[in-house]
């Protein structure tokens, strides 16, 4: 279920509500004071999964969702290590002889230095 962050206008308590999108309300009851003066804190929610609400494990439907969730949990060093590990083969030329009549394809240019930053 999506997670929504609210703040109470009267007691300024910040709290989280888990509910389906169909049950979503813009104002909700504060668990501290009991008044229905909780308003949505969009900035808190925007800092989560690419400007949307966090998805629980049961809502991950594609490999892309799973990959995004896992990369959010990684440090910058881990991301850089995985990128280098997965692209190392592109940088090392093969010394094996080719069959007669074949030629090697030219290596594509290296990605720009900020390529890893754009992936984030």
N, C-alpha and C. Protein backbone atom coordinates (compact mmCIF):
# COMPACT_ATOMS: atom_id res chain seq x y z
N UNK A 1 0.83 -1.18 0.00
CA UNK A 1 0.00 0.00 0.00
C UNK A 1 0.88 1.25 0.00
N UNK A 2 0.43 2.30 -0.66
CA UNK A 2 1.19 3.55 -0.65
C UNK A 2 1.24 4.17 0.75
N UNK A 3 2.27 4.93 0.96
CA UNK A 3 2.51 5.59 2.25
C UNK A 3 2.37 7.10 2.04
N UNK A 4 1.54 7.75 2.85
CA UNK A 4 1.31 9.18 2.75
C UNK A 4 1.73 9.84 4.06
N UNK A 5 2.39 10.98 3.98
CA UNK A 5 2.85 11.70 5.16
C UNK A 5 1.95 12.91 5.39
N UNK A 6 1.51 13.08 6.63
CA UNK A 6 0.63 14.19 7.01
C UNK A 6 1.23 14.93 8.20
N UNK A 7 0.76 16.18 8.41
CA UNK A 7 1.11 16.94 9.60
C UNK A 7 -0.16 17.59 10.11
N UNK A 8 -0.37 17.53 11.43
CA UNK A 8 -1.55 18.11 12.05
C UNK A 8 -1.38 19.61 12.18
N UNK A 9 -2.42 20.38 11.84
CA UNK A 9 -2.37 21.83 11.95
C UNK A 9 -2.38 22.29 13.41
N UNK A 10 -3.08 21.57 14.28
CA UNK A 10 -3.20 22.04 15.66
C UNK A 10 -2.01 21.63 16.53
N UNK A 11 -1.61 20.36 16.51
CA UNK A 11 -0.51 19.92 17.39
C UNK A 11 0.82 19.75 16.66
N UNK A 12 0.85 19.94 15.34
CA UNK A 12 2.05 19.85 14.49
C UNK A 12 2.71 18.48 14.52
N UNK A 13 1.96 17.46 14.85
CA UNK A 13 2.47 16.08 14.84
C UNK A 13 2.59 15.61 13.39
N UNK A 14 3.74 15.00 13.04
CA UNK A 14 3.93 14.43 11.70
C UNK A 14 3.67 12.93 11.81
N UNK A 15 2.79 12.42 10.95
CA UNK A 15 2.45 11.00 11.00
C UNK A 15 2.27 10.45 9.59
N UNK A 16 2.32 9.13 9.50
CA UNK A 16 2.23 8.44 8.22
C UNK A 16 0.96 7.61 8.17
N UNK A 17 0.32 7.60 7.02
CA UNK A 17 -0.90 6.82 6.82
C UNK A 17 -0.67 5.88 5.64
N UNK A 18 -0.99 4.61 5.81
CA UNK A 18 -0.93 3.63 4.74
C UNK A 18 -2.36 3.35 4.30
N UNK A 19 -2.66 3.60 3.03
CA UNK A 19 -4.00 3.32 2.53
C UNK A 19 -3.96 3.16 1.02
N UNK A 20 -4.97 2.51 0.49
CA UNK A 20 -5.11 2.38 -0.96
C UNK A 20 -5.43 3.75 -1.55
N UNK A 21 -5.16 3.89 -2.83
CA UNK A 21 -5.42 5.16 -3.49
C UNK A 21 -6.92 5.49 -3.46
N UNK A 22 -7.76 4.49 -3.54
CA UNK A 22 -9.21 4.75 -3.53
C UNK A 22 -9.69 5.24 -2.16
N UNK A 23 -8.94 4.94 -1.08
CA UNK A 23 -9.31 5.38 0.27
C UNK A 23 -8.61 6.67 0.69
N UNK A 24 -7.84 7.28 -0.21
CA UNK A 24 -7.06 8.48 0.10
C UNK A 24 -7.96 9.66 0.41
N UNK A 25 -7.60 10.44 1.44
CA UNK A 25 -8.32 11.66 1.81
C UNK A 25 -7.29 12.77 1.97
N UNK A 26 -7.64 13.98 1.53
CA UNK A 26 -6.68 15.09 1.64
C UNK A 26 -6.48 15.51 3.10
N UNK A 27 -7.53 15.49 3.91
CA UNK A 27 -7.41 15.76 5.35
C UNK A 27 -7.74 14.49 6.10
N UNK A 28 -6.95 14.19 7.12
CA UNK A 28 -7.18 12.96 7.86
C UNK A 28 -7.09 13.23 9.36
N UNK A 29 -7.55 12.29 10.16
CA UNK A 29 -7.59 12.44 11.61
C UNK A 29 -6.20 12.24 12.20
N UNK A 30 -5.80 13.14 13.07
CA UNK A 30 -4.50 13.07 13.73
C UNK A 30 -4.54 12.01 14.84
N UNK A 31 -3.58 11.10 14.90
CA UNK A 31 -3.58 10.09 15.95
C UNK A 31 -3.25 10.67 17.33
N UNK A 32 -2.62 11.85 17.41
CA UNK A 32 -2.26 12.44 18.71
C UNK A 32 -3.43 13.17 19.36
N UNK A 33 -3.97 14.15 18.65
CA UNK A 33 -5.02 14.98 19.25
C UNK A 33 -6.43 14.56 18.85
N UNK A 34 -6.57 13.74 17.82
CA UNK A 34 -7.88 13.25 17.41
C UNK A 34 -8.67 14.19 16.51
N UNK A 35 -8.13 15.37 16.20
CA UNK A 35 -8.82 16.31 15.32
C UNK A 35 -8.57 15.96 13.86
N UNK A 36 -9.51 16.29 12.99
CA UNK A 36 -9.36 16.03 11.57
C UNK A 36 -8.72 17.24 10.91
N UNK A 37 -7.47 17.53 11.32
CA UNK A 37 -6.76 18.68 10.78
C UNK A 37 -5.41 18.26 10.20
N UNK A 38 -5.27 17.02 9.82
CA UNK A 38 -4.02 16.56 9.22
C UNK A 38 -3.99 16.92 7.74
N UNK A 39 -2.97 17.64 7.33
CA UNK A 39 -2.83 18.00 5.92
C UNK A 39 -1.61 17.30 5.34
N UNK A 40 -1.63 17.08 4.07
CA UNK A 40 -0.61 16.28 3.37
C UNK A 40 0.71 17.02 3.28
N UNK A 41 1.82 16.33 3.57
CA UNK A 41 3.18 16.86 3.46
C UNK A 41 3.77 16.30 2.17
N UNK A 42 3.56 17.00 1.08
CA UNK A 42 4.00 16.50 -0.23
C UNK A 42 5.51 16.44 -0.36
N UNK A 43 6.23 17.38 0.24
CA UNK A 43 7.68 17.37 0.12
C UNK A 43 8.29 16.10 0.72
N UNK A 44 7.73 15.62 1.81
CA UNK A 44 8.22 14.37 2.41
C UNK A 44 8.02 13.21 1.43
N UNK A 45 6.88 13.18 0.78
CA UNK A 45 6.58 12.08 -0.14
C UNK A 45 7.37 12.20 -1.44
N UNK A 46 7.69 13.43 -1.86
CA UNK A 46 8.45 13.62 -3.09
C UNK A 46 9.89 13.14 -2.97
N UNK A 47 10.39 13.06 -1.75
CA UNK A 47 11.75 12.60 -1.55
C UNK A 47 11.87 11.09 -1.66
N UNK A 48 10.77 10.41 -1.77
CA UNK A 48 10.78 8.96 -1.94
C UNK A 48 10.88 8.61 -3.41
N UNK A 49 10.46 7.48 -3.78
CA UNK A 49 10.63 6.86 -5.08
C UNK A 49 10.24 7.77 -6.25
N UNK A 50 11.18 8.52 -6.79
CA UNK A 50 11.00 9.33 -8.00
C UNK A 50 9.72 10.14 -8.00
N UNK A 51 9.53 10.92 -6.99
CA UNK A 51 8.38 11.82 -6.87
C UNK A 51 7.05 11.09 -6.83
N UNK A 52 7.03 9.93 -6.28
CA UNK A 52 5.78 9.21 -6.09
C UNK A 52 5.82 8.56 -4.71
N UNK A 53 4.75 7.92 -4.34
CA UNK A 53 4.72 7.26 -3.04
C UNK A 53 5.51 5.97 -3.10
N UNK A 54 5.99 5.51 -1.93
CA UNK A 54 6.76 4.28 -1.88
C UNK A 54 5.85 3.09 -2.16
N UNK A 55 6.38 2.11 -2.86
CA UNK A 55 5.62 0.90 -3.12
C UNK A 55 6.05 -0.18 -2.15
N UNK A 56 5.09 -0.91 -1.63
CA UNK A 56 5.42 -2.03 -0.76
C UNK A 56 5.84 -3.22 -1.62
N UNK A 57 6.37 -4.26 -0.99
CA UNK A 57 6.84 -5.42 -1.73
C UNK A 57 5.74 -6.06 -2.57
N UNK A 58 4.52 -6.06 -2.07
CA UNK A 58 3.43 -6.69 -2.82
C UNK A 58 3.03 -5.88 -4.05
N UNK A 59 3.41 -4.59 -4.11
CA UNK A 59 3.04 -3.75 -5.24
C UNK A 59 4.11 -3.66 -6.32
N UNK A 60 5.27 -4.27 -6.10
CA UNK A 60 6.31 -4.29 -7.12
C UNK A 60 5.88 -5.25 -8.22
N UNK A 61 5.56 -4.71 -9.39
CA UNK A 61 5.01 -5.55 -10.45
C UNK A 61 6.00 -5.82 -11.57
N UNK A 62 7.03 -5.00 -11.70
CA UNK A 62 7.98 -5.19 -12.79
C UNK A 62 9.40 -5.25 -12.24
N UNK A 63 10.30 -5.74 -13.07
CA UNK A 63 11.71 -5.75 -12.68
C UNK A 63 12.24 -4.33 -12.53
N UNK A 64 11.70 -3.40 -13.30
CA UNK A 64 12.11 -2.01 -13.19
C UNK A 64 11.78 -1.43 -11.82
N UNK A 65 10.58 -1.75 -11.30
CA UNK A 65 10.21 -1.30 -9.96
C UNK A 65 11.18 -1.85 -8.92
N UNK A 66 11.50 -3.13 -9.05
CA UNK A 66 12.42 -3.77 -8.12
C UNK A 66 13.82 -3.15 -8.22
N UNK A 67 14.28 -2.89 -9.44
CA UNK A 67 15.60 -2.29 -9.63
C UNK A 67 15.65 -0.89 -9.04
N UNK A 68 14.61 -0.09 -9.24
CA UNK A 68 14.58 1.26 -8.66
C UNK A 68 14.63 1.20 -7.14
N UNK A 69 13.84 0.30 -6.56
CA UNK A 69 13.84 0.18 -5.11
C UNK A 69 15.21 -0.22 -4.59
N UNK A 70 15.85 -1.17 -5.26
CA UNK A 70 17.15 -1.64 -4.80
C UNK A 70 18.24 -0.58 -4.98
N UNK A 71 18.21 0.18 -6.08
CA UNK A 71 19.24 1.20 -6.27
C UNK A 71 19.07 2.35 -5.30
N UNK A 72 17.84 2.62 -4.85
CA UNK A 72 17.64 3.66 -3.84
C UNK A 72 18.33 3.29 -2.53
N UNK A 73 18.44 2.03 -2.26
CA UNK A 73 19.04 1.56 -1.01
C UNK A 73 20.57 1.51 -1.07
N UNK A 74 21.14 1.65 -2.26
CA UNK A 74 22.59 1.52 -2.44
C UNK A 74 23.30 2.86 -2.21
N UNK A 75 24.54 2.75 -1.77
CA UNK A 75 25.38 3.95 -1.65
C UNK A 75 25.94 4.28 -3.03
N UNK A 76 26.53 5.45 -3.15
CA UNK A 76 27.12 5.85 -4.43
C UNK A 76 28.29 4.94 -4.81
N UNK A 77 29.06 4.48 -3.81
CA UNK A 77 30.17 3.56 -4.08
C UNK A 77 29.67 2.23 -4.64
N UNK A 78 28.57 1.72 -4.09
CA UNK A 78 28.01 0.46 -4.59
C UNK A 78 27.54 0.62 -6.03
N UNK A 79 26.88 1.74 -6.33
CA UNK A 79 26.39 1.98 -7.70
C UNK A 79 27.56 2.05 -8.68
N UNK A 80 28.63 2.75 -8.28
CA UNK A 80 29.80 2.88 -9.14
C UNK A 80 30.46 1.53 -9.37
N UNK A 81 30.57 0.71 -8.31
CA UNK A 81 31.18 -0.61 -8.42
C UNK A 81 30.38 -1.50 -9.38
N UNK A 82 29.08 -1.51 -9.26
CA UNK A 82 28.24 -2.34 -10.14
C UNK A 82 28.35 -1.86 -11.58
N UNK A 83 28.36 -0.55 -11.79
CA UNK A 83 28.49 -0.02 -13.15
C UNK A 83 29.81 -0.47 -13.76
N UNK A 84 30.91 -0.35 -13.01
CA UNK A 84 32.22 -0.75 -13.53
C UNK A 84 32.27 -2.26 -13.78
N UNK A 85 31.70 -3.04 -12.88
CA UNK A 85 31.70 -4.50 -13.03
C UNK A 85 30.94 -4.92 -14.29
N UNK A 86 29.80 -4.29 -14.53
CA UNK A 86 28.97 -4.68 -15.66
C UNK A 86 29.45 -4.13 -16.99
N UNK A 87 30.36 -3.17 -16.98
CA UNK A 87 30.84 -2.58 -18.23
C UNK A 87 32.32 -2.83 -18.48
N UNK A 88 32.96 -3.65 -17.66
CA UNK A 88 34.39 -3.92 -17.80
C UNK A 88 34.69 -4.60 -19.14
N UNK A 89 33.82 -5.49 -19.59
CA UNK A 89 34.07 -6.22 -20.83
C UNK A 89 34.15 -5.30 -22.04
N UNK A 90 33.52 -4.15 -21.97
CA UNK A 90 33.54 -3.21 -23.10
C UNK A 90 34.90 -2.56 -23.26
N UNK A 91 35.67 -2.49 -22.18
CA UNK A 91 36.94 -1.78 -22.22
C UNK A 91 38.13 -2.67 -22.53
N UNK A 92 37.97 -3.99 -22.37
CA UNK A 92 39.10 -4.88 -22.63
C UNK A 92 38.92 -5.55 -23.99
N UNK A 93 39.83 -5.29 -24.94
CA UNK A 93 39.69 -5.91 -26.26
C UNK A 93 40.02 -7.40 -26.20
N UNK A 94 39.40 -8.16 -27.06
CA UNK A 94 39.65 -9.60 -27.13
C UNK A 94 40.83 -9.88 -28.05
N UNK A 95 41.72 -10.80 -27.63
CA UNK A 95 42.88 -11.15 -28.43
C UNK A 95 42.66 -12.43 -29.24
N UNK A 96 41.47 -12.99 -29.18
CA UNK A 96 41.20 -14.23 -29.90
C UNK A 96 41.18 -13.95 -31.41
N UNK A 97 41.74 -14.87 -32.19
CA UNK A 97 41.69 -14.68 -33.65
C UNK A 97 40.27 -14.89 -34.17
N UNK A 98 39.93 -14.11 -35.17
CA UNK A 98 38.60 -14.21 -35.77
C UNK A 98 38.61 -15.23 -36.90
N UNK A 99 37.45 -15.81 -37.20
CA UNK A 99 37.36 -16.72 -38.36
C UNK A 99 37.69 -15.96 -39.65
N UNK A 100 38.06 -16.72 -40.66
CA UNK A 100 38.45 -16.14 -41.94
C UNK A 100 37.29 -15.33 -42.53
N UNK A 101 37.60 -14.12 -43.00
CA UNK A 101 36.59 -13.27 -43.62
C UNK A 101 35.82 -12.40 -42.63
N UNK A 102 36.11 -12.47 -41.34
CA UNK A 102 35.39 -11.69 -40.33
C UNK A 102 36.25 -10.52 -39.89
N UNK A 103 35.62 -9.47 -39.37
CA UNK A 103 36.35 -8.33 -38.81
C UNK A 103 35.68 -7.90 -37.51
N UNK A 104 36.40 -7.17 -36.73
CA UNK A 104 35.88 -6.69 -35.46
C UNK A 104 35.05 -5.42 -35.66
N UNK A 105 34.02 -5.30 -34.85
CA UNK A 105 33.20 -4.10 -34.86
C UNK A 105 33.92 -3.03 -34.04
N UNK A 106 33.88 -1.81 -34.48
CA UNK A 106 34.52 -0.73 -33.74
C UNK A 106 33.84 -0.54 -32.39
N UNK A 107 34.64 -0.32 -31.38
CA UNK A 107 34.14 -0.12 -30.04
C UNK A 107 33.41 1.21 -29.95
N UNK A 108 32.23 1.24 -29.32
CA UNK A 108 31.51 2.51 -29.19
C UNK A 108 32.28 3.46 -28.27
N UNK A 109 32.05 4.75 -28.41
CA UNK A 109 32.76 5.71 -27.55
C UNK A 109 32.38 5.51 -26.08
N UNK A 110 33.30 5.87 -25.20
CA UNK A 110 33.04 5.76 -23.77
C UNK A 110 31.94 6.72 -23.37
N UNK A 111 31.13 6.33 -22.39
CA UNK A 111 30.09 7.26 -21.93
C UNK A 111 30.72 8.47 -21.24
N UNK A 112 30.01 9.58 -21.21
CA UNK A 112 30.56 10.76 -20.54
C UNK A 112 30.79 10.50 -19.06
N UNK A 113 31.63 11.31 -18.44
CA UNK A 113 31.98 11.10 -17.04
C UNK A 113 30.77 11.21 -16.12
N UNK A 114 29.79 12.01 -16.49
CA UNK A 114 28.62 12.18 -15.63
C UNK A 114 27.52 11.17 -15.94
N UNK A 115 27.85 10.11 -16.70
CA UNK A 115 26.85 9.11 -17.09
C UNK A 115 26.26 8.43 -15.86
N UNK A 116 27.09 8.09 -14.90
CA UNK A 116 26.60 7.43 -13.69
C UNK A 116 25.67 8.36 -12.92
N UNK A 117 25.98 9.64 -12.90
CA UNK A 117 25.12 10.60 -12.20
C UNK A 117 23.76 10.69 -12.86
N UNK A 118 23.70 10.58 -14.19
CA UNK A 118 22.41 10.65 -14.89
C UNK A 118 21.57 9.42 -14.64
N UNK A 119 22.17 8.29 -14.26
CA UNK A 119 21.41 7.09 -13.98
C UNK A 119 20.66 7.17 -12.67
N UNK A 120 21.07 8.05 -11.82
CA UNK A 120 20.48 8.11 -10.48
C UNK A 120 19.18 8.85 -10.46
